[in-house]
């Protein structure tokens, strides 16, 4: 039981890390100075992808917390 929970905990952690790293930064940085700003359609697509990644992050973080608590109770 502990092994299965441990594996699920690692998977949830990896999914959360990947989802966070794939999200677009909120800062424009120096890219906006050189004309690197996205077009209207590019922004809309990025918002949709960011919304999915934010949802995946929330789900994986919730799973991580619940699995951590279960591991403490079982262990």
Protein backbone atom coordinates (compact mmCIF):
# COMPACT_ATOMS: atom_id res chain seq x y z
CA UNK A 1 0.00 0.00 0.00
CA UNK A 2 2.78 2.43 0.92
CA UNK A 3 4.64 1.62 -2.29
CA UNK A 4 1.61 2.39 -4.44
CA UNK A 5 0.96 5.63 -2.58
CA UNK A 6 4.62 6.59 -2.92
CA UNK A 7 4.56 6.00 -6.67
CA UNK A 8 1.35 8.03 -7.03
CA UNK A 9 2.91 10.81 -4.94
CA UNK A 10 5.97 10.95 -7.20
CA UNK A 11 3.78 10.99 -10.33
CA UNK A 12 1.66 13.83 -8.91
CA UNK A 13 4.81 15.78 -8.04
CA UNK A 14 6.29 15.31 -11.52
CA UNK A 15 3.04 16.34 -13.24
CA UNK A 16 2.86 19.44 -11.05
CA UNK A 17 6.50 20.39 -11.76
CA UNK A 18 6.08 19.95 -15.51
CA UNK A 19 2.80 21.90 -15.58
CA UNK A 20 4.34 24.78 -13.63
CA UNK A 21 7.42 24.92 -15.83
CA UNK A 22 5.35 24.90 -19.03
CA UNK A 23 3.22 27.88 -17.96
CA UNK A 24 4.01 31.18 -19.60
CA UNK A 25 5.67 33.81 -17.46
CA UNK A 26 3.50 36.77 -16.41
CA UNK A 27 6.38 39.18 -17.09
CA UNK A 28 6.99 40.59 -20.55
CA UNK A 29 10.73 41.07 -20.01
CA UNK A 30 12.92 42.51 -22.75
CA UNK A 31 11.01 40.69 -25.50
CA UNK A 32 8.43 43.47 -25.73
CA UNK A 33 11.12 46.09 -26.43
CA UNK A 34 12.26 44.44 -29.64
CA UNK A 35 8.76 43.85 -30.97
CA UNK A 36 8.50 40.34 -29.59
CA UNK A 37 4.92 40.84 -28.43
CA UNK A 38 2.46 38.24 -29.68
CA UNK A 39 -0.43 38.90 -32.00
CA UNK A 40 -4.04 38.82 -30.83
CA UNK A 41 -4.55 35.22 -31.97
CA UNK A 42 -1.32 34.07 -30.37
CA UNK A 43 -2.37 35.54 -27.04
CA UNK A 44 -5.77 33.87 -27.19
CA UNK A 45 -4.17 30.49 -27.88
CA UNK A 46 -1.66 31.00 -25.08
CA UNK A 47 -4.43 31.93 -22.65
CA UNK A 48 -6.27 28.70 -23.47
CA UNK A 49 -3.14 26.63 -22.96
CA UNK A 50 -2.28 28.50 -19.75
CA UNK A 51 -5.79 27.88 -18.45
CA UNK A 52 -5.39 24.14 -19.04
CA UNK A 53 -1.96 24.14 -17.42
CA UNK A 54 -3.33 26.07 -14.43
CA UNK A 55 -6.11 23.50 -14.05
CA UNK A 56 -3.61 20.64 -14.28
CA UNK A 57 -1.45 22.39 -11.67
CA UNK A 58 -4.40 22.76 -9.29
CA UNK A 59 -5.47 19.13 -9.71
CA UNK A 60 -1.96 17.74 -9.28
CA UNK A 61 -1.30 19.96 -6.24
CA UNK A 62 -4.53 18.78 -4.63
CA UNK A 63 -3.65 15.16 -5.39
CA UNK A 64 -0.16 15.73 -3.97
CA UNK A 65 -1.52 17.15 -0.71
CA UNK A 66 -4.14 14.42 -0.30
CA UNK A 67 -1.64 11.66 -1.07
CA UNK A 68 0.85 13.20 1.37
CA UNK A 69 -1.75 13.22 4.13
CA UNK A 70 -2.73 9.61 3.36
CA UNK A 71 0.94 8.60 3.46
CA UNK A 72 1.29 10.16 6.92
CA UNK A 73 -1.83 8.42 8.19
CA UNK A 74 -0.88 5.03 6.73
CA UNK A 75 2.81 5.28 7.69
